[in-house]
Amino acid sequence: MEIDTKRTKGSSSRNVYDALRTEILELKLPPGQLLDETSLADRFELSRSPIREALIRLAADNLVVTLPNRSTIVAPLEISAFPKYVEALSIAQRICTRLAAELRSEQDLLIIAKRQKQFEAAVRSGDHLAMSETNKNFHLAIAEAGRNPYLTAFYDRLLDEGRRMLHLHFEYLERTNDGYLLTDEHSQLLEAIRDQDVELADRLAMDHTRQFRDNFLHFMKENYASDMNLGLDMLSGIALS
C-alpha cells in the first residue's frame, strides 16, 4: 500500500510538472505569472505536496523562480540579457557543429538525419512545442557527434533556456511563411557535417544563430516595442562573428 501511495504521489507530481512546463514553454503562463500553490492544488485536485514537488522541478529547469517571500512566479524573460545569451549560443553552436563535422561517425549521421526528419514533421504539424523539442534534439545530436560532453551539457542548457524565445521565433516564421527556412538550414548543416566541411559547418551554424536573433528581434519590435522599453536598439547591434 505504501509503494502504491508513493507511486501515485510521484505520478501526480509528474503530471503537474508536465502540464505547467508545457504552458510555460508555450507562453500560456506568461513570464512573471504568480503560481499559487493553493490555486494549483484546486486546479489539479491534489494536495499541495505534489504541487510543491512539481514547482521544485520547474525551478531546477529555470522555468520558475521562488521569491524571498516564498511566492513562486514564472521565470521572467530577461530581454536585457538577450545579447549575452545569443553570444553564448552562437559560440556553443559553432564549436559543437565544427567538432561534429570533424569527428562524426556514420552512426552519428544516421541519428542527426533521423532527428531532422522528426523536426520536419513537427514543422508540418505547426505544433510549436513539438518544433522546439525536435529542434533541440536535432542540435543535441550534432553536439553529441562532437564527442565533448562538457560542451554538450553547456549547449543543452542554453537550448533549454531559449525555448520560450524560440516559441516567439516560430510564431514570427509562421506568420511570415518562412518556416521552410529552418528545415533548409538544418539540411545544409547536416550536409556540411556529412562532408566533413568544418569551415562551412561553422559558417552555417553562425548564420543559423543570426537568423534566430534577427527574427526574435523583429517579433519583439512588432509586438512589444510600443508597450515597453526592451533595449532593442542595443540588441540590434549584437555582432555574431
C-alpha atoms as a PDB file:
ATOM      1  CA  MET A   1       0.000   0.000   0.000  1.00  0.00           C
ATOM      2  CA  GLU A   2       2.850   2.376   0.846  1.00  0.00           C
ATOM      3  CA  ILE A   3       4.500   1.696  -2.534  1.00  0.00           C
ATOM      4  CA  ASP A   4       1.236   2.420  -4.351  1.00  0.00           C
ATOM      5  CA  THR A   5       0.861   5.699  -2.465  1.00  0.00           C
ATOM      6  CA  LYS A   6       4.364   6.805  -3.377  1.00  0.00           C
ATOM      7  CA  ARG A   7       3.833   5.867  -6.990  1.00  0.00           C
ATOM      8  CA  THR A   8       0.557   7.810  -7.134  1.00  0.00           C
ATOM      9  CA  LYS A   9       2.158  10.829  -5.489  1.00  0.00           C
ATOM     10  CA  GLY A  10       5.081  10.725  -7.908  1.00  0.00           C
ATOM     11  CA  SER A  11       2.756  10.342 -10.877  1.00  0.00           C
ATOM     12  CA  SER A  12       0.665  13.299  -9.691  1.00  0.00           C
ATOM     13  CA  SER A  13       3.728  15.481  -9.325  1.00  0.00           C
ATOM     14  CA  ARG A  14       4.923  14.451 -12.789  1.00  0.00           C
ATOM     15  CA  ASN A  15       1.544  15.280 -14.334  1.00  0.00           C
ATOM     16  CA  VAL A  16       1.553  18.742 -12.753  1.00  0.00           C
ATOM     17  CA  TYR A  17       5.144  19.307 -13.865  1.00  0.00           C
ATOM     18  CA  ASP A  18       4.380  18.252 -17.444  1.00  0.00           C
ATOM     19  CA  ALA A  19       1.260  20.435 -17.653  1.00  0.00           C
ATOM     20  CA  LEU A  20       2.884  23.551 -16.208  1.00  0.00           C
ATOM     21  CA  ARG A  21       6.088  23.070 -18.213  1.00  0.00           C
ATOM     22  CA  THR A  22       4.079  22.918 -21.447  1.00  0.00           C
ATOM     23  CA  GLU A  23       2.078  26.022 -20.543  1.00  0.00           C
ATOM     24  CA  ILE A  24       5.240  27.949 -19.616  1.00  0.00           C
ATOM     25  CA  LEU A  25       7.095  26.971 -22.798  1.00  0.00           C
ATOM     26  CA  GLU A  26       4.061  27.865 -24.927  1.00  0.00           C
ATOM     27  CA  LEU A  27       3.754  31.182 -23.026  1.00  0.00           C
ATOM     28  CA  LYS A  28       0.207  30.337 -21.954  1.00  0.00           C
ATOM     29  CA  LEU A  29       1.592  31.064 -18.496  1.00  0.00           C
ATOM     30  CA  PRO A  30       3.359  34.372 -19.179  1.00  0.00           C
ATOM     31  CA  PRO A  31       6.655  35.468 -17.633  1.00  0.00           C
ATOM     32  CA  GLY A  32       6.088  36.838 -14.141  1.00  0.00           C
ATOM     33  CA  GLN A  33       2.796  34.978 -13.625  1.00  0.00           C
ATOM     34  CA  LEU A  34       2.230  34.091  -9.955  1.00  0.00           C
ATOM     35  CA  LEU A  35       1.933  30.340  -9.336  1.00  0.00           C
ATOM     36  CA  ASP A  36      -0.065  29.947  -6.161  1.00  0.00           C
ATOM     37  CA  GLU A  37       0.195  26.501  -4.591  1.00  0.00           C
ATOM     38  CA  THR A  38      -3.350  26.603  -3.223  1.00  0.00           C
ATOM     39  CA  SER A  39      -4.868  27.624  -6.553  1.00  0.00           C
ATOM     40  CA  LEU A  40      -2.842  24.975  -8.383  1.00  0.00           C
ATOM     41  CA  ALA A  41      -3.880  22.333  -5.840  1.00  0.00           C
ATOM     42  CA  ASP A  42      -7.516  23.221  -6.518  1.00  0.00           C
ATOM     43  CA  ARG A  43      -6.957  23.179 -10.261  1.00  0.00           C
ATOM     44  CA  PHE A  44      -5.312  19.739 -10.304  1.00  0.00           C
ATOM     45  CA  GLU A  45      -7.432  18.403  -7.413  1.00  0.00           C
ATOM     46  CA  LEU A  46      -4.350  17.438  -5.441  1.00  0.00           C
ATOM     47  CA  SER A  47      -2.742  18.224  -2.109  1.00  0.00           C
ATOM     48  CA  ARG A  48      -0.083  20.935  -2.032  1.00  0.00           C
ATOM     49  CA  SER A  49       2.754  18.410  -1.652  1.00  0.00           C
ATOM     50  CA  PRO A  50       2.877  17.189  -5.309  1.00  0.00           C
ATOM     51  CA  ILE A  51       2.333  20.789  -6.446  1.00  0.00           C
ATOM     52  CA  ARG A  52       5.379  21.861  -4.442  1.00  0.00           C
ATOM     53  CA  GLU A  53       7.447  18.990  -5.872  1.00  0.00           C
ATOM     54  CA  ALA A  54       6.487  19.998  -9.424  1.00  0.00           C
ATOM     55  CA  LEU A  55       7.461  23.619  -8.752  1.00  0.00           C
ATOM     56  CA  ILE A  56      10.828  22.497  -7.382  1.00  0.00           C
ATOM     57  CA  ARG A  57      11.472  20.582 -10.609  1.00  0.00           C
ATOM     58  CA  LEU A  58      10.441  23.581 -12.701  1.00  0.00           C
ATOM     59  CA  ALA A  59      12.812  25.762 -10.683  1.00  0.00           C
ATOM     60  CA  ALA A  60      15.634  23.322 -11.467  1.00  0.00           C
ATOM     61  CA  ASP A  61      14.767  23.823 -15.158  1.00  0.00           C
ATOM     62  CA  ASN A  62      14.963  27.626 -14.655  1.00  0.00           C
ATOM     63  CA  LEU A  63      11.321  27.930 -15.685  1.00  0.00           C
ATOM     64  CA  VAL A  64      10.053  29.300 -12.348  1.00  0.00           C
ATOM     65  CA  VAL A  65      11.617  31.474  -9.674  1.00  0.00           C
ATOM     66  CA  THR A  66      10.978  31.420  -5.923  1.00  0.00           C
ATOM     67  CA  LEU A  67      10.944  34.926  -4.458  1.00  0.00           C
ATOM     68  CA  PRO A  68      12.229  35.890  -0.975  1.00  0.00           C
ATOM     69  CA  ASN A  69       8.650  35.859   0.350  1.00  0.00           C
ATOM     70  CA  ARG A  70       8.411  32.241  -0.885  1.00  0.00           C
ATOM     71  CA  SER A  71       5.992  33.090  -3.674  1.00  0.00           C
ATOM     72  CA  THR A  72       6.710  31.344  -6.974  1.00  0.00           C
ATOM     73  CA  ILE A  73       6.427  33.033 -10.358  1.00  0.00           C
ATOM     74  CA  VAL A  74       7.066  32.005 -13.947  1.00  0.00           C
ATOM     75  CA  ALA A  75      10.670  32.956 -14.696  1.00  0.00           C
ATOM     76  CA  PRO A  76      10.871  36.355 -16.410  1.00  0.00           C
ATOM     77  CA  LEU A  77      12.213  36.587 -19.935  1.00  0.00           C
ATOM     78  CA  GLU A  78      15.291  38.716 -19.333  1.00  0.00           C
ATOM     79  CA  ILE A  79      15.307  40.681 -22.571  1.00  0.00           C
ATOM     80  CA  SER A  80      18.184  42.842 -21.323  1.00  0.00           C
ATOM     81  CA  ALA A  81      20.298  39.656 -21.091  1.00  0.00           C
ATOM     82  CA  PHE A  82      19.485  38.591 -24.660  1.00  0.00           C
ATOM     83  CA  PRO A  83      22.742  39.956 -26.150  1.00  0.00           C
ATOM     84  CA  LYS A  84      24.803  37.837 -23.750  1.00  0.00           C
ATOM     85  CA  TYR A  85      22.548  34.834 -24.289  1.00  0.00           C
ATOM     86  CA  VAL A  86      22.758  34.911 -28.074  1.00  0.00           C
ATOM     87  CA  GLU A  87      26.517  35.491 -27.890  1.00  0.00           C
ATOM     88  CA  ALA A  88      26.942  32.346 -25.777  1.00  0.00           C
ATOM     89  CA  LEU A  89      24.541  30.418 -28.027  1.00  0.00           C
ATOM     90  CA  SER A  90      26.490  31.379 -31.127  1.00  0.00           C
ATOM     91  CA  ILE A  91      29.803  30.276 -29.631  1.00  0.00           C
ATOM     92  CA  ALA A  92      28.404  26.953 -28.370  1.00  0.00           C
ATOM     93  CA  GLN A  93      26.564  26.256 -31.613  1.00  0.00           C
ATOM     94  CA  ARG A  94      29.612  26.960 -33.749  1.00  0.00           C
ATOM     95  CA  ILE A  95      32.035  24.914 -31.658  1.00  0.00           C
ATOM     96  CA  CYS A  96      29.700  21.931 -31.373  1.00  0.00           C
ATOM     97  CA  THR A  97      28.962  21.990 -35.104  1.00  0.00           C
ATOM     98  CA  ARG A  98      32.650  22.294 -36.017  1.00  0.00           C
ATOM     99  CA  LEU A  99      33.516  19.318 -33.823  1.00  0.00           C
ATOM    100  CA  ALA A 100      30.673  17.291 -35.311  1.00  0.00           C
ATOM    101  CA  ALA A 101      31.933  17.978 -38.844  1.00  0.00           C
ATOM    102  CA  GLU A 102      35.399  16.864 -37.829  1.00  0.00           C
ATOM    103  CA  LEU A 103      34.586  13.822 -35.692  1.00  0.00           C
ATOM    104  CA  ARG A 104      31.185  12.470 -36.773  1.00  0.00           C
ATOM    105  CA  SER A 105      30.710   8.768 -37.424  1.00  0.00           C
ATOM    106  CA  GLU A 106      28.296   7.137 -39.843  1.00  0.00           C
ATOM    107  CA  GLN A 107      26.070   6.271 -36.899  1.00  0.00           C
ATOM    108  CA  ASP A 108      26.052   9.924 -35.848  1.00  0.00           C
ATOM    109  CA  LEU A 109      24.904  10.913 -39.331  1.00  0.00           C
ATOM    110  CA  LEU A 110      22.005   8.471 -39.138  1.00  0.00           C
ATOM    111  CA  ILE A 111      20.896   9.907 -35.791  1.00  0.00           C
ATOM    112  CA  ILE A 112      21.187  13.530 -36.960  1.00  0.00           C
ATOM    113  CA  ALA A 113      19.239  12.722 -40.140  1.00  0.00           C
ATOM    114  CA  LYS A 114      16.524  10.990 -38.106  1.00  0.00           C
ATOM    115  CA  ARG A 115      16.228  13.994 -35.787  1.00  0.00           C
ATOM    116  CA  GLN A 116      15.971  16.265 -38.830  1.00  0.00           C
ATOM    117  CA  LYS A 117      13.067  14.198 -40.212  1.00  0.00           C
ATOM    118  CA  GLN A 118      11.326  14.493 -36.848  1.00  0.00           C
ATOM    119  CA  PHE A 119      11.797  18.259 -36.909  1.00  0.00           C
ATOM    120  CA  GLU A 120      10.416  18.497 -40.454  1.00  0.00           C
ATOM    121  CA  ALA A 121       7.336  16.539 -39.345  1.00  0.00           C
ATOM    122  CA  ALA A 122       6.854  18.927 -36.408  1.00  0.00           C
ATOM    123  CA  VAL A 123       7.124  21.954 -38.735  1.00  0.00           C
ATOM    124  CA  ARG A 124       4.439  20.471 -40.991  1.00  0.00           C
ATOM    125  CA  SER A 125       2.196  19.912 -37.980  1.00  0.00           C
ATOM    126  CA  GLY A 126       2.529  23.538 -36.842  1.00  0.00           C
ATOM    127  CA  ASP A 127       2.942  22.374 -33.234  1.00  0.00           C
ATOM    128  CA  HIS A 128       5.368  24.904 -31.752  1.00  0.00           C
ATOM    129  CA  LEU A 129       6.130  22.829 -28.678  1.00  0.00           C
ATOM    130  CA  ALA A 130       6.993  19.822 -30.835  1.00  0.00           C
ATOM    131  CA  MET A 131       9.062  22.094 -33.074  1.00  0.00           C
ATOM    132  CA  SER A 132      11.134  23.415 -30.182  1.00  0.00           C
ATOM    133  CA  GLU A 133      11.594  19.913 -28.760  1.00  0.00           C
ATOM    134  CA  THR A 134      12.684  18.369 -32.057  1.00  0.00           C
ATOM    135  CA  ASN A 135      14.843  21.402 -32.859  1.00  0.00           C
ATOM    136  CA  LYS A 136      16.669  20.910 -29.583  1.00  0.00           C
ATOM    137  CA  ASN A 137      17.045  17.176 -30.236  1.00  0.00           C
ATOM    138  CA  PHE A 138      18.497  17.870 -33.695  1.00  0.00           C
ATOM    139  CA  HIS A 139      21.128  20.242 -32.353  1.00  0.00           C
ATOM    140  CA  LEU A 140      21.976  17.970 -29.433  1.00  0.00           C
ATOM    141  CA  ALA A 141      22.553  15.102 -31.850  1.00  0.00           C
ATOM    142  CA  ILE A 142      25.079  17.344 -33.605  1.00  0.00           C
ATOM    143  CA  ALA A 143      26.716  18.217 -30.285  1.00  0.00           C
ATOM    144  CA  GLU A 144      26.942  14.561 -29.269  1.00  0.00           C
ATOM    145  CA  ALA A 145      28.704  13.811 -32.559  1.00  0.00           C
ATOM    146  CA  GLY A 146      31.411  16.240 -31.430  1.00  0.00           C
ATOM    147  CA  ARG A 147      32.429  13.917 -28.576  1.00  0.00           C
ATOM    148  CA  ASN A 148      32.764  16.601 -25.879  1.00  0.00           C
ATOM    149  CA  PRO A 149      30.277  16.032 -23.046  1.00  0.00           C
ATOM    150  CA  TYR A 150      31.139  19.320 -21.323  1.00  0.00           C
ATOM    151  CA  LEU A 151      30.309  21.372 -24.397  1.00  0.00           C
ATOM    152  CA  THR A 152      27.200  19.273 -24.996  1.00  0.00           C
ATOM    153  CA  ALA A 153      25.939  19.917 -21.456  1.00  0.00           C
ATOM    154  CA  PHE A 154      26.553  23.657 -21.814  1.00  0.00           C
ATOM    155  CA  TYR A 155      24.805  23.748 -25.191  1.00  0.00           C
ATOM    156  CA  ASP A 156      21.912  21.706 -23.799  1.00  0.00           C
ATOM    157  CA  ARG A 157      21.363  24.271 -21.029  1.00  0.00           C
ATOM    158  CA  LEU A 158      21.433  27.160 -23.486  1.00  0.00           C
ATOM    159  CA  LEU A 159      18.927  25.472 -25.783  1.00  0.00           C
ATOM    160  CA  ASP A 160      16.596  24.881 -22.830  1.00  0.00           C
ATOM    161  CA  GLU A 161      16.875  28.480 -21.657  1.00  0.00           C
ATOM    162  CA  GLY A 162      15.983  29.727 -25.127  1.00  0.00           C
ATOM    163  CA  ARG A 163      12.899  27.613 -25.752  1.00  0.00           C
ATOM    164  CA  ARG A 164      10.374  30.319 -24.828  1.00  0.00           C
ATOM    165  CA  MET A 165      12.158  32.789 -27.097  1.00  0.00           C
ATOM    166  CA  LEU A 166      12.208  30.119 -29.807  1.00  0.00           C
ATOM    167  CA  HIS A 167       8.431  29.834 -29.443  1.00  0.00           C
ATOM    168  CA  LEU A 168       8.138  33.538 -30.370  1.00  0.00           C
ATOM    169  CA  HIS A 169      10.575  32.920 -33.223  1.00  0.00           C
ATOM    170  CA  PHE A 170       8.307  30.172 -34.574  1.00  0.00           C
ATOM    171  CA  GLU A 171       5.297  32.492 -34.373  1.00  0.00           C
ATOM    172  CA  TYR A 172       7.157  35.023 -36.484  1.00  0.00           C
ATOM    173  CA  LEU A 173       8.167  32.396 -39.076  1.00  0.00           C
ATOM    174  CA  GLU A 174       4.640  31.041 -39.220  1.00  0.00           C
ATOM    175  CA  ARG A 175       3.160  34.474 -39.847  1.00  0.00           C
ATOM    176  CA  THR A 176       5.759  35.363 -42.498  1.00  0.00           C
ATOM    177  CA  ASN A 177       5.578  31.916 -44.136  1.00  0.00           C
ATOM    178  CA  ASP A 178       9.331  31.487 -43.688  1.00  0.00           C
ATOM    179  CA  GLY A 179       9.134  28.244 -41.705  1.00  0.00           C
ATOM    180  CA  TYR A 180      10.779  26.370 -44.548  1.00  0.00           C
ATOM    181  CA  LEU A 181      13.974  28.311 -43.861  1.00  0.00           C
ATOM    182  CA  LEU A 182      14.584  26.306 -40.696  1.00  0.00           C
ATOM    183  CA  THR A 183      14.264  22.940 -42.402  1.00  0.00           C
ATOM    184  CA  ASP A 184      16.524  24.126 -45.232  1.00  0.00           C
ATOM    185  CA  GLU A 185      19.161  25.378 -42.795  1.00  0.00           C
ATOM    186  CA  HIS A 186      19.078  22.109 -40.871  1.00  0.00           C
ATOM    187  CA  SER A 187      19.523  20.161 -44.090  1.00  0.00           C
ATOM    188  CA  GLN A 188      22.507  22.323 -45.026  1.00  0.00           C
ATOM    189  CA  LEU A 189      24.062  21.767 -41.609  1.00  0.00           C
ATOM    190  CA  LEU A 190      23.619  18.013 -41.985  1.00  0.00           C
ATOM    191  CA  GLU A 191      25.264  18.008 -45.415  1.00  0.00           C
ATOM    192  CA  ALA A 192      28.238  20.077 -44.227  1.00  0.00           C
ATOM    193  CA  ILE A 193      28.742  17.653 -41.341  1.00  0.00           C
ATOM    194  CA  ARG A 194      28.362  14.698 -43.691  1.00  0.00           C
ATOM    195  CA  ASP A 195      31.023  16.182 -45.999  1.00  0.00           C
ATOM    196  CA  GLN A 196      33.238  16.993 -43.001  1.00  0.00           C
ATOM    197  CA  ASP A 197      33.461  20.573 -44.231  1.00  0.00           C
ATOM    198  CA  VAL A 198      34.411  22.193 -40.930  1.00  0.00           C
ATOM    199  CA  GLU A 199      34.533  25.789 -42.157  1.00  0.00           C
ATOM    200  CA  LEU A 200      31.172  25.575 -43.925  1.00  0.00           C
ATOM    201  CA  ALA A 201      29.609  23.931 -40.876  1.00  0.00           C
ATOM    202  CA  ASP A 202      30.936  26.776 -38.730  1.00  0.00           C
ATOM    203  CA  ARG A 203      29.534  29.455 -41.050  1.00  0.00           C
ATOM    204  CA  LEU A 204      26.144  27.768 -41.292  1.00  0.00           C
ATOM    205  CA  ALA A 205      25.936  27.453 -37.512  1.00  0.00           C
ATOM    206  CA  MET A 206      26.685  31.157 -37.129  1.00  0.00           C
ATOM    207  CA  ASP A 207      24.099  32.068 -39.784  1.00  0.00           C
ATOM    208  CA  HIS A 208      21.553  29.850 -38.035  1.00  0.00           C
ATOM    209  CA  THR A 209      22.012  31.770 -34.780  1.00  0.00           C
ATOM    210  CA  ARG A 210      21.835  35.083 -36.625  1.00  0.00           C
ATOM    211  CA  GLN A 211      18.524  34.108 -38.187  1.00  0.00           C
ATOM    212  CA  PHE A 212      17.099  33.254 -34.762  1.00  0.00           C
ATOM    213  CA  ARG A 213      18.380  36.554 -33.358  1.00  0.00           C
ATOM    214  CA  ASP A 214      17.024  38.699 -36.176  1.00  0.00           C
ATOM    215  CA  ASN A 215      13.591  37.076 -36.275  1.00  0.00           C
ATOM    216  CA  PHE A 216      13.231  37.266 -32.500  1.00  0.00           C
ATOM    217  CA  LEU A 217      14.053  40.976 -32.600  1.00  0.00           C
ATOM    218  CA  HIS A 218      11.578  41.584 -35.430  1.00  0.00           C
ATOM    219  CA  PHE A 219       8.864  39.802 -33.447  1.00  0.00           C
ATOM    220  CA  MET A 220       9.574  41.814 -30.302  1.00  0.00           C
ATOM    221  CA  LYS A 221       9.622  45.118 -32.177  1.00  0.00           C
ATOM    222  CA  GLU A 222       6.305  44.367 -33.870  1.00  0.00           C
ATOM    223  CA  ASN A 223       4.533  43.168 -30.742  1.00  0.00           C
ATOM    224  CA  TYR A 224       6.033  44.856 -27.705  1.00  0.00           C
ATOM    225  CA  ALA A 225       8.271  47.791 -28.596  1.00  0.00           C
ATOM    226  CA  SER A 226       5.429  50.293 -28.293  1.00  0.00           C
ATOM    227  CA  ASP A 227       4.440  48.995 -24.844  1.00  0.00           C
ATOM    228  CA  MET A 228       7.750  48.777 -23.013  1.00  0.00           C
ATOM    229  CA  ASN A 229      11.416  49.594 -23.242  1.00  0.00           C
ATOM    230  CA  LEU A 230      13.168  46.401 -24.302  1.00  0.00           C
ATOM    231  CA  GLY A 231      16.538  47.867 -25.179  1.00  0.00           C
ATOM    232  CA  LEU A 232      16.006  46.832 -28.773  1.00  0.00           C
ATOM    233  CA  ASP A 233      18.435  49.414 -30.133  1.00  0.00           C
ATOM    234  CA  MET A 234      21.156  47.716 -28.115  1.00  0.00           C
ATOM    235  CA  LEU A 235      20.006  44.242 -29.163  1.00  0.00           C
ATOM    236  CA  SER A 236      20.027  45.028 -32.859  1.00  0.00           C
ATOM    237  CA  GLY A 237      23.722  45.797 -32.597  1.00  0.00           C
ATOM    238  CA  ILE A 238      24.671  42.294 -31.479  1.00  0.00           C
ATOM    239  CA  ALA A 239      27.612  41.029 -33.516  1.00  0.00           C
ATOM    240  CA  LEU A 240      27.945  37.369 -34.424  1.00  0.00           C
ATOM    241  CA  SER A 241      31.413  36.930 -35.808  1.00  0.00           C
END
